[in-house]
């Protein structure tokens, strides 16, 4: 793997050992960041199921202000830390070892009802890449982000899920998850990217009789 563009352009990245983690391909990553280009400068980026950190590191390379990586596999965490160290990245990121669902629930509680999160817990761009066959992981994570954990999303935030692209459809993904609404699908070979934005929900005020 290599970094496509930005400050660390063409630098190579270490992939986790074994077959547990499936890195996002360079080609798909390039497609993703071609779409994100107008949004990436100064963004806060959340990389869920981060693996080697290739996507979040690409975001930092292209000008994101901050990246948070969430990953539970020890081999992937070792590769992620090694990649950041080899690039000399010592600030502007945070690594959370553990399950994505647990981290989202904990972060939501820390924010507090109705309170805006601190900069390390408020995101403009969210990328998630669970194992393709883990339908429950997609549903749970997107459900959290579209529900109460949506307070972790800044106004206008974009959530992107990588998933199996065979057949040119969303496959197991739903059109909506709470406030998240599917707005775009990009298919590249056997992989695909589904884009979700926060849907405006009308609030009806009760009128006294």
Protein backbone atom coordinates (compact mmCIF):
# COMPACT_ATOMS: atom_id res chain seq x y z
CA UNK A 1 0.00 0.00 0.00
CA UNK A 2 1.04 3.58 -0.55
CA UNK A 3 -0.22 7.06 0.25
CA UNK A 4 -1.83 8.52 -2.86
CA UNK A 5 -1.40 12.27 -2.43
CA UNK A 6 -0.57 15.10 -0.07
CA UNK A 7 2.22 15.61 2.43
CA UNK A 8 3.20 11.92 2.50
CA UNK A 9 2.58 11.18 -1.16
CA UNK A 10 4.05 7.88 -2.44
CA UNK A 11 5.21 6.77 1.02
CA UNK A 12 4.54 3.08 1.60
CA UNK A 13 2.40 1.70 4.40
CA UNK A 14 2.67 -1.53 6.33
CA UNK A 15 -0.28 -3.94 6.08
CA UNK A 16 -1.36 -6.11 9.03
CA UNK A 17 -0.11 -9.68 8.99
CA UNK A 18 -2.59 -12.46 8.25
CA UNK A 19 -5.98 -12.50 6.58
CA UNK A 20 -8.15 -11.02 9.34
CA UNK A 21 -7.85 -7.44 8.05
CA UNK A 22 -8.70 -6.48 4.46
CA UNK A 23 -6.97 -3.20 3.55
CA UNK A 24 -8.81 -0.72 1.35
CA UNK A 25 -7.08 -0.86 -2.04
CA UNK A 26 -5.05 2.08 -3.31
CA UNK A 27 -7.42 2.43 -6.24
CA UNK A 28 -10.56 2.54 -4.10
CA UNK A 29 -8.88 4.94 -1.68
CA UNK A 30 -8.05 7.24 -4.59
CA UNK A 31 -11.68 7.13 -5.74
CA UNK A 32 -12.86 7.94 -2.22
CA UNK A 33 -10.58 10.94 -1.81
CA UNK A 34 -11.40 12.29 -5.26
CA UNK A 35 -14.94 12.67 -3.93
CA UNK A 36 -13.83 14.02 -0.55
CA UNK A 37 -11.32 16.51 -1.98
CA UNK A 38 -13.48 19.63 -1.43
CA UNK A 39 -14.14 18.61 2.19
CA UNK A 40 -10.84 17.23 3.44
CA UNK A 41 -8.86 20.39 4.23
CA UNK A 42 -9.23 21.14 7.93
CA UNK A 43 -11.64 18.25 8.51
CA UNK A 44 -11.95 16.04 11.58
CA UNK A 45 -11.82 12.44 10.30
CA UNK A 46 -13.07 9.28 12.02
CA UNK A 47 -11.64 5.99 10.72
CA UNK A 48 -13.69 3.07 12.08
CA UNK A 49 -12.42 -0.50 11.71
CA UNK A 50 -9.21 1.33 10.84
CA UNK A 51 -6.94 -1.63 10.13
CA UNK A 52 -3.54 -0.30 9.05
CA UNK A 53 -4.91 3.26 9.22
CA UNK A 54 -4.41 3.79 5.49
CA UNK A 55 -7.63 5.78 5.04
CA UNK A 56 -7.21 8.02 8.08
CA UNK A 57 -3.52 8.57 7.29
CA UNK A 58 -4.46 9.51 3.73
CA UNK A 59 -6.83 12.08 5.21
CA UNK A 60 -4.06 13.54 7.37
CA UNK A 61 -1.71 13.60 4.39
CA UNK A 62 -4.26 15.61 2.40
CA UNK A 63 -4.82 18.25 5.08
CA UNK A 64 -7.29 16.90 7.62
CA UNK A 65 -6.77 18.60 10.99
CA UNK A 66 -7.43 15.57 13.12
CA UNK A 67 -8.00 11.82 12.79
CA UNK A 68 -9.34 9.25 15.23
CA UNK A 69 -8.66 5.57 14.57
CA UNK A 70 -10.78 2.80 16.14
CA UNK A 71 -9.55 -0.78 15.74
CA UNK A 72 -9.61 -3.93 17.90
CA UNK A 73 -7.24 -6.41 16.15
CA UNK A 74 -3.76 -6.45 17.74
CA UNK A 75 -1.96 -7.06 14.43
CA UNK A 76 -3.79 -4.15 12.80
CA UNK A 77 -3.07 -1.85 15.74
CA UNK A 78 0.64 -2.74 15.50
CA UNK A 79 0.65 -1.88 11.78
CA UNK A 80 -1.26 1.36 12.41
CA UNK A 81 1.16 2.54 15.07
CA UNK A 82 4.15 1.53 12.92
CA UNK A 83 2.77 3.48 9.94
CA UNK A 84 2.25 6.66 11.96
CA UNK A 85 5.72 6.34 13.48
CA UNK A 86 7.42 5.75 10.12
CA UNK A 87 5.82 8.92 8.77
CA UNK A 88 6.85 10.94 11.82
CA UNK A 89 3.23 11.72 12.74
CA UNK A 90 3.27 12.54 16.44
CA UNK A 91 0.16 14.71 16.88
CA UNK A 92 -3.25 15.36 15.36
CA UNK A 93 -4.50 11.83 15.91
CA UNK A 94 -5.83 9.47 18.55
CA UNK A 95 -5.98 5.66 18.55
CA UNK A 96 -8.74 3.80 20.39
CA UNK A 97 -8.11 0.05 20.71
CA UNK A 98 -11.35 -1.87 21.01
CA UNK A 99 -14.71 -2.52 19.40
CA UNK A 100 -16.31 0.21 17.32
CA UNK A 101 -19.76 -0.13 18.90
CA UNK A 102 -18.37 0.13 22.40
CA UNK A 103 -16.33 3.20 21.52
CA UNK A 104 -19.28 4.95 19.88
CA UNK A 105 -21.50 4.33 22.90
CA UNK A 106 -18.82 5.51 25.31
CA UNK A 107 -18.08 8.64 23.25
CA UNK A 108 -21.79 9.41 23.08
CA UNK A 109 -22.10 9.24 26.87
CA UNK A 110 -19.03 11.44 27.34
CA UNK A 111 -20.50 14.11 25.11
CA UNK A 112 -23.61 14.33 27.29
CA UNK A 113 -27.19 15.03 26.32
CA UNK A 114 -27.49 18.16 24.22
CA UNK A 115 -23.84 19.14 24.67
CA UNK A 116 -21.47 19.68 21.76
CA UNK A 117 -18.39 17.44 21.88
CA UNK A 118 -14.81 18.65 22.09
CA UNK A 119 -12.85 18.76 18.80
CA UNK A 120 -11.55 15.21 19.29
CA UNK A 121 -15.12 13.88 19.36
CA UNK A 122 -16.85 15.88 16.62
CA UNK A 123 -16.36 14.70 13.05
CA UNK A 124 -16.87 16.03 9.55
CA UNK A 125 -16.06 12.75 7.77
CA UNK A 126 -16.57 9.19 8.96
CA UNK A 127 -15.28 6.09 7.16
CA UNK A 128 -16.19 2.55 8.14
CA UNK A 129 -14.93 -0.70 6.68
CA UNK A 130 -16.06 -3.78 8.64
CA UNK A 131 -15.59 -7.28 7.21
CA UNK A 132 -17.89 -7.46 4.17
CA UNK A 133 -19.82 -10.42 5.59
CA UNK A 134 -20.47 -8.73 8.96
CA UNK A 135 -23.97 -7.43 8.26
CA UNK A 136 -24.57 -6.92 11.98
CA UNK A 137 -21.53 -4.62 12.24
CA UNK A 138 -22.76 -2.41 9.39
CA UNK A 139 -26.27 -2.22 10.82
CA UNK A 140 -25.12 -1.53 14.38
CA UNK A 141 -22.53 1.11 13.48
CA UNK A 142 -24.66 2.99 10.96
CA UNK A 143 -27.60 2.72 13.35
CA UNK A 144 -25.57 4.32 16.14
CA UNK A 145 -24.31 7.09 13.87
CA UNK A 146 -27.84 7.74 12.62
CA UNK A 147 -29.24 7.72 16.13
CA UNK A 148 -28.06 9.13 19.43
CA UNK A 149 -24.36 8.87 18.48
CA UNK A 150 -25.14 11.26 15.64
CA UNK A 151 -24.33 14.06 18.09
CA UNK A 152 -20.70 13.15 17.27
CA UNK A 153 -21.27 14.40 13.71
CA UNK A 154 -20.72 18.03 12.81
CA UNK A 155 -23.36 19.78 10.67
CA UNK A 156 -23.02 18.65 7.06
CA UNK A 157 -21.00 15.56 8.02
CA UNK A 158 -20.58 12.70 5.55
CA UNK A 159 -20.51 9.01 6.51
CA UNK A 160 -18.99 6.53 4.04
CA UNK A 161 -19.21 2.74 4.26
CA UNK A 162 -17.03 0.41 2.19
CA UNK A 163 -18.81 -2.85 1.34
CA UNK A 164 -19.05 -5.61 -1.23
CA UNK A 165 -19.85 -4.13 -4.64
CA UNK A 166 -20.92 -7.18 -6.61
CA UNK A 167 -24.11 -6.51 -8.55
CA UNK A 168 -23.73 -2.72 -8.37
CA UNK A 169 -26.07 -2.28 -5.40
CA UNK A 170 -25.94 -1.38 -1.72
CA UNK A 171 -26.28 -5.08 -0.96
CA UNK A 172 -27.02 -5.50 2.74
CA UNK A 173 -27.12 -1.77 3.49
CA UNK A 174 -30.36 0.11 4.08
CA UNK A 175 -31.53 3.35 2.51
CA UNK A 176 -31.79 5.00 5.93
CA UNK A 177 -30.39 4.53 9.40
CA UNK A 178 -32.19 6.99 11.64
CA UNK A 179 -31.08 10.45 10.51
CA UNK A 180 -28.59 9.04 7.98
CA UNK A 181 -29.82 8.88 4.39
CA UNK A 182 -28.07 7.10 1.51
CA UNK A 183 -27.15 9.63 -1.17
CA UNK A 184 -24.54 8.04 -3.43
CA UNK A 185 -23.11 4.68 -4.48
CA UNK A 186 -19.74 4.16 -6.17
CA UNK A 187 -18.84 0.64 -7.34
CA UNK A 188 -15.32 -0.36 -8.27
CA UNK A 189 -14.83 -4.02 -9.08
CA UNK A 190 -15.80 -6.15 -6.10
CA UNK A 191 -15.84 -3.19 -3.72
CA UNK A 192 -18.23 -0.28 -3.31
CA UNK A 193 -18.62 2.92 -1.33
CA UNK A 194 -21.98 4.05 0.05
CA UNK A 195 -22.29 7.69 1.09
CA UNK A 196 -24.71 8.84 3.78
CA UNK A 197 -25.63 12.34 4.86
CA UNK A 198 -27.66 13.58 7.81
CA UNK A 199 -31.27 13.94 6.79
CA UNK A 200 -33.15 17.03 7.94
CA UNK A 201 -35.92 15.96 10.30
CA UNK A 202 -38.81 18.35 10.67
CA UNK A 203 -39.81 19.08 14.26
CA UNK A 204 -43.51 19.67 14.77
CA UNK A 205 -44.34 22.17 17.48
CA UNK A 206 -47.47 21.57 19.50
CA UNK A 207 -49.93 24.39 19.17
CA UNK A 208 -52.19 25.13 22.15
CA UNK A 209 -55.87 24.76 21.37
